[in-house]
Amino acid sequence: MTRLSCVFCIMASRGDLRTAAKLKPELYRRYVETEKRIGHTFSMNRQPLEEVTGIYLPNPAQLSLL
């Protein structure tokens, strides 16, 4: 991690956010779900966390088809 801050800090680098998502997957999932629910991102560049990290969560509707 390049800085000491909140896990998913809006000023964190792409690499830091990716590392945080891998270290805290349940918290990452909650952040991603919250972004989708409120229709707003937590990043300063207005990109959703999934786009910033490149780590996409499965769509719950797709899981029910399995």
PDB file of N, CA and C in Angstrom:
ATOM      1  N   MET A   1       0.851  -1.168   0.000  1.00  0.00           N
ATOM      2  CA  MET A   1       0.000   0.000   0.000  1.00  0.00           C
ATOM      3  C   MET A   1       0.899   1.233   0.000  1.00  0.00           C
ATOM      4  N   THR A   2       0.521   2.203  -0.809  1.00  0.00           N
ATOM      5  CA  THR A   2       1.352   3.397  -0.953  1.00  0.00           C
ATOM      6  C   THR A   2       1.006   4.503   0.033  1.00  0.00           C
ATOM      7  N   ARG A   3      -0.127   4.367   0.726  1.00  0.00           N
ATOM      8  CA  ARG A   3      -0.503   5.392   1.693  1.00  0.00           C
ATOM      9  C   ARG A   3      -1.277   4.773   2.849  1.00  0.00           C
ATOM     10  N   LEU A   4      -1.257   5.444   3.968  1.00  0.00           N
ATOM     11  CA  LEU A   4      -2.002   5.006   5.137  1.00  0.00           C
ATOM     12  C   LEU A   4      -3.333   5.758   5.147  1.00  0.00           C
ATOM     13  N   SER A   5      -4.411   5.036   4.927  1.00  0.00           N
ATOM     14  CA  SER A   5      -5.733   5.672   4.862  1.00  0.00           C
ATOM     15  C   SER A   5      -6.805   4.604   5.047  1.00  0.00           C
ATOM     16  N   CYS A   6      -8.035   4.994   4.866  1.00  0.00           N
ATOM     17  CA  CYS A   6      -9.138   4.039   4.924  1.00  0.00           C
ATOM     18  C   CYS A   6      -8.926   2.979   3.845  1.00  0.00           C
ATOM     19  N   VAL A   7      -9.485   1.818   4.044  1.00  0.00           N
ATOM     20  CA  VAL A   7      -9.275   0.705   3.112  1.00  0.00           C
ATOM     21  C   VAL A   7      -9.603   1.092   1.678  1.00  0.00           C
ATOM     22  N   PHE A   8     -10.759   1.683   1.457  1.00  0.00           N
ATOM     23  CA  PHE A   8     -11.171   2.066   0.108  1.00  0.00           C
ATOM     24  C   PHE A   8     -11.247   3.594  -0.009  1.00  0.00           C
ATOM     25  N   CYS A   9     -10.157   4.245   0.363  1.00  0.00           N
ATOM     26  CA  CYS A   9     -10.054   5.705   0.326  1.00  0.00           C
ATOM     27  C   CYS A   9     -10.286   6.222  -1.094  1.00  0.00           C
ATOM     28  N   ILE A  10     -11.009   7.327  -1.221  1.00  0.00           N
ATOM     29  CA  ILE A  10     -11.271   7.894  -2.545  1.00  0.00           C
ATOM     30  C   ILE A  10      -9.998   8.426  -3.192  1.00  0.00           C
ATOM     31  N   MET A  11      -8.944   8.594  -2.422  1.00  0.00           N
ATOM     32  CA  MET A  11      -7.686   9.092  -2.983  1.00  0.00           C
ATOM     33  C   MET A  11      -6.656   7.976  -3.170  1.00  0.00           C
ATOM     34  N   ALA A  12      -7.063   6.731  -2.952  1.00  0.00           N
ATOM     35  CA  ALA A  12      -6.148   5.600  -3.093  1.00  0.00           C
ATOM     36  C   ALA A  12      -5.822   5.346  -4.562  1.00  0.00           C
ATOM     37  N   SER A  13      -4.661   4.780  -4.788  1.00  0.00           N
ATOM     38  CA  SER A  13      -4.259   4.430  -6.151  1.00  0.00           C
ATOM     39  C   SER A  13      -5.021   3.182  -6.605  1.00  0.00           C
ATOM     40  N   ARG A  14      -5.015   2.969  -7.906  1.00  0.00           N
ATOM     41  CA  ARG A  14      -5.661   1.786  -8.484  1.00  0.00           C
ATOM     42  C   ARG A  14      -5.071   0.507  -7.860  1.00  0.00           C
ATOM     43  N   GLY A  15      -3.761   0.469  -7.736  1.00  0.00           N
ATOM     44  CA  GLY A  15      -3.103  -0.707  -7.160  1.00  0.00           C
ATOM     45  C   GLY A  15      -3.497  -0.935  -5.712  1.00  0.00           C
ATOM     46  N   ASP A  16      -3.585   0.142  -4.948  1.00  0.00           N
ATOM     47  CA  ASP A  16      -3.990   0.018  -3.545  1.00  0.00           C
ATOM     48  C   ASP A  16      -5.427  -0.491  -3.430  1.00  0.00           C
ATOM     49  N   LEU A  17      -6.302   0.008  -4.275  1.00  0.00           N
ATOM     50  CA  LEU A  17      -7.699  -0.432  -4.239  1.00  0.00           C
ATOM     51  C   LEU A  17      -7.811  -1.902  -4.634  1.00  0.00           C
ATOM     52  N   ARG A  18      -7.021  -2.298  -5.599  1.00  0.00           N
ATOM     53  CA  ARG A  18      -7.015  -3.700  -6.032  1.00  0.00           C
ATOM     54  C   ARG A  18      -6.513  -4.601  -4.891  1.00  0.00           C
ATOM     55  N   THR A  19      -5.442  -4.179  -4.231  1.00  0.00           N
ATOM     56  CA  THR A  19      -4.915  -4.941  -3.104  1.00  0.00           C
ATOM     57  C   THR A  19      -5.943  -5.016  -1.982  1.00  0.00           C
ATOM     58  N   ALA A  20      -6.591  -3.902  -1.680  1.00  0.00           N
ATOM     59  CA  ALA A  20      -7.605  -3.869  -0.625  1.00  0.00           C
ATOM     60  C   ALA A  20      -8.758  -4.818  -0.953  1.00  0.00           C
ATOM     61  N   ALA A  21      -9.176  -4.850  -2.210  1.00  0.00           N
ATOM     62  CA  ALA A  21     -10.270  -5.735  -2.622  1.00  0.00           C
ATOM     63  C   ALA A  21      -9.897  -7.195  -2.414  1.00  0.00           C
ATOM     64  N   LYS A  22      -8.636  -7.528  -2.662  1.00  0.00           N
ATOM     65  CA  LYS A  22      -8.180  -8.911  -2.477  1.00  0.00           C
ATOM     66  C   LYS A  22      -8.039  -9.266  -0.999  1.00  0.00           C
ATOM     67  N   LEU A  23      -7.613  -8.299  -0.187  1.00  0.00           N
ATOM     68  CA  LEU A  23      -7.427  -8.555   1.237  1.00  0.00           C
ATOM     69  C   LEU A  23      -8.733  -8.524   2.025  1.00  0.00           C
ATOM     70  N   LYS A  24      -9.687  -7.736   1.560  1.00  0.00           N
ATOM     71  CA  LYS A  24     -10.965  -7.565   2.262  1.00  0.00           C
ATOM     72  C   LYS A  24     -12.134  -7.794   1.294  1.00  0.00           C
ATOM     73  N   PRO A  25     -12.299  -9.020   0.764  1.00  0.00           N
ATOM     74  CA  PRO A  25     -13.312  -9.260  -0.262  1.00  0.00           C
ATOM     75  C   PRO A  25     -14.747  -8.978   0.184  1.00  0.00           C
ATOM     76  N   GLU A  26     -15.063  -9.278   1.444  1.00  0.00           N
ATOM     77  CA  GLU A  26     -16.436  -9.030   1.912  1.00  0.00           C
ATOM     78  C   GLU A  26     -16.716  -7.538   2.004  1.00  0.00           C
ATOM     79  N   LEU A  27     -15.764  -6.765   2.487  1.00  0.00           N
ATOM     80  CA  LEU A  27     -15.931  -5.316   2.551  1.00  0.00           C
ATOM     81  C   LEU A  27     -15.997  -4.732   1.138  1.00  0.00           C
ATOM     82  N   TYR A  28     -15.167  -5.241   0.239  1.00  0.00           N
ATOM     83  CA  TYR A  28     -15.199  -4.808  -1.158  1.00  0.00           C
ATOM     84  C   TYR A  28     -16.586  -5.045  -1.759  1.00  0.00           C
ATOM     85  N   ARG A  29     -17.127  -6.228  -1.523  1.00  0.00           N
ATOM     86  CA  ARG A  29     -18.464  -6.554  -2.031  1.00  0.00           C
ATOM     87  C   ARG A  29     -19.497  -5.552  -1.512  1.00  0.00           C
ATOM     88  N   ARG A  30     -19.401  -5.200  -0.234  1.00  0.00           N
ATOM     89  CA  ARG A  30     -20.357  -4.251   0.343  1.00  0.00           C
ATOM     90  C   ARG A  30     -20.229  -2.869  -0.305  1.00  0.00           C
ATOM     91  N   TYR A  31     -19.006  -2.432  -0.557  1.00  0.00           N
ATOM     92  CA  TYR A  31     -18.793  -1.144  -1.228  1.00  0.00           C
ATOM     93  C   TYR A  31     -19.373  -1.162  -2.638  1.00  0.00           C
ATOM     94  N   VAL A  32     -19.093  -2.231  -3.386  1.00  0.00           N
ATOM     95  CA  VAL A  32     -19.598  -2.342  -4.761  1.00  0.00           C
ATOM     96  C   VAL A  32     -21.121  -2.360  -4.760  1.00  0.00           C
ATOM     97  N   GLU A  33     -21.719  -3.136  -3.889  1.00  0.00           N
ATOM     98  CA  GLU A  33     -23.180  -3.203  -3.804  1.00  0.00           C
ATOM     99  C   GLU A  33     -23.770  -1.854  -3.412  1.00  0.00           C
ATOM    100  N   THR A  34     -23.110  -1.148  -2.514  1.00  0.00           N
ATOM    101  CA  THR A  34     -23.598   0.172  -2.102  1.00  0.00           C
ATOM    102  C   THR A  34     -23.541   1.151  -3.268  1.00  0.00           C
ATOM    103  N   GLU A  35     -22.441   1.139  -4.020  1.00  0.00           N
ATOM    104  CA  GLU A  35     -22.349   2.018  -5.196  1.00  0.00           C
ATOM    105  C   GLU A  35     -23.507   1.757  -6.146  1.00  0.00           C
ATOM    106  N   LYS A  36     -23.787   0.483  -6.386  1.00  0.00           N
ATOM    107  CA  LYS A  36     -24.880   0.136  -7.303  1.00  0.00           C
ATOM    108  C   LYS A  36     -26.232   0.566  -6.743  1.00  0.00           C
ATOM    109  N   ARG A  37     -26.420   0.373  -5.453  1.00  0.00           N
ATOM    110  CA  ARG A  37     -27.697   0.712  -4.822  1.00  0.00           C
ATOM    111  C   ARG A  37     -27.966   2.214  -4.827  1.00  0.00           C
ATOM    112  N   ILE A  38     -26.940   3.016  -4.530  1.00  0.00           N
ATOM    113  CA  ILE A  38     -27.154   4.462  -4.458  1.00  0.00           C
ATOM    114  C   ILE A  38     -26.975   5.164  -5.807  1.00  0.00           C
ATOM    115  N   GLY A  39     -26.428   4.433  -6.789  1.00  0.00           N
ATOM    116  CA  GLY A  39     -26.250   5.014  -8.119  1.00  0.00           C
ATOM    117  C   GLY A  39     -25.166   6.077  -8.172  1.00  0.00           C
ATOM    118  N   HIS A  40     -24.158   5.932  -7.319  1.00  0.00           N
ATOM    119  CA  HIS A  40     -23.063   6.897  -7.256  1.00  0.00           C
ATOM    120  C   HIS A  40     -21.787   6.151  -6.896  1.00  0.00           C
ATOM    121  N   THR A  41     -20.644   6.667  -7.339  1.00  0.00           N
ATOM    122  CA  THR A  41     -19.380   6.007  -7.033  1.00  0.00           C
ATOM    123  C   THR A  41     -18.694   6.658  -5.845  1.00  0.00           C
ATOM    124  N   PHE A  42     -17.720   5.958  -5.298  1.00  0.00           N
ATOM    125  CA  PHE A  42     -16.921   6.497  -4.207  1.00  0.00           C
ATOM    126  C   PHE A  42     -15.586   7.035  -4.693  1.00  0.00           C
ATOM    127  N   SER A  43     -15.319   6.962  -5.995  1.00  0.00           N
ATOM    128  CA  SER A  43     -14.014   7.405  -6.493  1.00  0.00           C
ATOM    129  C   SER A  43     -14.079   8.841  -6.995  1.00  0.00           C
ATOM    130  N   MET A  44     -12.939   9.508  -6.918  1.00  0.00           N
ATOM    131  CA  MET A  44     -12.879  10.899  -7.349  1.00  0.00           C
ATOM    132  C   MET A  44     -13.031  11.032  -8.869  1.00  0.00           C
ATOM    133  N   ASN A  45     -12.677   9.987  -9.615  1.00  0.00           N
ATOM    134  CA  ASN A  45     -12.794  10.053 -11.072  1.00  0.00           C
ATOM    135  C   ASN A  45     -14.140   9.535 -11.571  1.00  0.00           C
ATOM    136  N   ARG A  46     -15.036   9.259 -10.648  1.00  0.00           N
ATOM    137  CA  ARG A  46     -16.405   8.830 -10.940  1.00  0.00           C
ATOM    138  C   ARG A  46     -16.500   7.452 -11.599  1.00  0.00           C
ATOM    139  N   GLN A  47     -15.456   6.650 -11.478  1.00  0.00           N
ATOM    140  CA  GLN A  47     -15.492   5.282 -11.979  1.00  0.00           C
ATOM    141  C   GLN A  47     -15.914   4.352 -10.849  1.00  0.00           C
ATOM    142  N   PRO A  48     -16.782   3.393 -11.135  1.00  0.00           N
ATOM    143  CA  PRO A  48     -17.155   2.420 -10.103  1.00  0.00           C
ATOM    144  C   PRO A  48     -15.934   1.613  -9.662  1.00  0.00           C
ATOM    145  N   LEU A  49     -15.956   1.143  -8.434  1.00  0.00           N
ATOM    146  CA  LEU A  49     -14.838   0.358  -7.909  1.00  0.00           C
ATOM    147  C   LEU A  49     -14.499  -0.837  -8.791  1.00  0.00           C
ATOM    148  N   GLU A  50     -15.499  -1.487  -9.346  1.00  0.00           N
ATOM    149  CA  GLU A  50     -15.233  -2.637 -10.201  1.00  0.00           C
ATOM    150  C   GLU A  50     -14.391  -2.244 -11.409  1.00  0.00           C
ATOM    151  N   GLU A  51     -14.665  -1.090 -11.981  1.00  0.00           N
ATOM    152  CA  GLU A  51     -13.880  -0.627 -13.123  1.00  0.00           C
ATOM    153  C   GLU A  51     -12.479  -0.220 -12.693  1.00  0.00           C
ATOM    154  N   VAL A  52     -12.372   0.436 -11.573  1.00  0.00           N
ATOM    155  CA  VAL A  52     -11.070   0.891 -11.087  1.00  0.00           C
ATOM    156  C   VAL A  52     -10.169  -0.307 -10.774  1.00  0.00           C
ATOM    157  N   THR A  53     -10.710  -1.306 -10.083  1.00  0.00           N
ATOM    158  CA  THR A  53      -9.895  -2.443  -9.658  1.00  0.00           C
ATOM    159  C   THR A  53      -9.761  -3.517 -10.730  1.00  0.00           C
ATOM    160  N   GLY A  54     -10.739  -3.581 -11.639  1.00  0.00           N
ATOM    161  CA  GLY A  54     -10.752  -4.676 -12.613  1.00  0.00           C
ATOM    162  C   GLY A  54     -11.261  -5.969 -12.002  1.00  0.00           C
ATOM    163  N   ILE A  55     -11.798  -5.880 -10.786  1.00  0.00           N
ATOM    164  CA  ILE A  55     -12.344  -7.053 -10.099  1.00  0.00           C
ATOM    165  C   ILE A  55     -13.864  -6.923 -10.091  1.00  0.00           C
ATOM    166  N   TYR A  56     -14.516  -7.740 -10.914  1.00  0.00           N
ATOM    167  CA  TYR A  56     -15.965  -7.658 -11.063  1.00  0.00           C
ATOM    168  C   TYR A  56     -16.640  -8.756 -10.251  1.00  0.00           C
ATOM    169  N   LEU A  57     -17.683  -8.376  -9.544  1.00  0.00           N
ATOM    170  CA  LEU A  57     -18.448  -9.335  -8.758  1.00  0.00           C
ATOM    171  C   LEU A  57     -19.503  -9.974  -9.648  1.00  0.00           C
ATOM    172  N   PRO A  58     -19.820 -11.243  -9.388  1.00  0.00           N
ATOM    173  CA  PRO A  58     -20.876 -11.883 -10.172  1.00  0.00           C
ATOM    174  C   PRO A  58     -22.218 -11.220  -9.910  1.00  0.00           C
ATOM    175  N   ASN A  59     -22.998 -11.128 -10.932  1.00  0.00           N
ATOM    176  CA  ASN A  59     -24.345 -10.582 -10.832  1.00  0.00           C
ATOM    177  C   ASN A  59     -25.211 -11.619 -10.111  1.00  0.00           C
ATOM    178  N   PRO A  60     -25.920 -11.252  -9.043  1.00  0.00           N
ATOM    179  CA  PRO A  60     -26.744 -12.217  -8.307  1.00  0.00           C
ATOM    180  C   PRO A  60     -27.742 -12.938  -9.210  1.00  0.00           C
ATOM    181  N   ALA A  61     -28.276 -12.274 -10.203  1.00  0.00           N
ATOM    182  CA  ALA A  61     -29.216 -12.908 -11.123  1.00  0.00           C
ATOM    183  C   ALA A  61     -28.531 -14.015 -11.911  1.00  0.00           C
ATOM    184  N   GLN A  62     -27.274 -13.824 -12.269  1.00  0.00           N
ATOM    185  CA  GLN A  62     -26.527 -14.844 -13.003  1.00  0.00           C
ATOM    186  C   GLN A  62     -26.244 -16.043 -12.114  1.00  0.00           C
ATOM    187  N   LEU A  63     -26.001 -15.816 -10.822  1.00  0.00           N
ATOM    188  CA  LEU A  63     -25.733 -16.929  -9.909  1.00  0.00           C
ATOM    189  C   LEU A  63     -26.935 -17.845  -9.779  1.00  0.00           C
ATOM    190  N   SER A  64     -28.149 -17.282  -9.836  1.00  0.00           N
ATOM    191  CA  SER A  64     -29.345 -18.098  -9.681  1.00  0.00           C
ATOM    192  C   SER A  64     -29.561 -19.003 -10.887  1.00  0.00           C
ATOM    193  N   LEU A  65     -28.927 -18.702 -12.009  1.00  0.00           N
ATOM    194  CA  LEU A  65     -29.058 -19.528 -13.206  1.00  0.00           C
ATOM    195  C   LEU A  65     -28.139 -20.748 -13.166  1.00  0.00           C
ATOM    196  N   LEU A  66     -27.154 -20.729 -12.267  1.00  0.00           N
ATOM    197  CA  LEU A  66     -26.176 -21.838 -12.209  1.00  0.00           C
ATOM    198  C   LEU A  66     -26.726 -23.056 -11.537  1.00  0.00           C
TER     199      LEU A  66
END
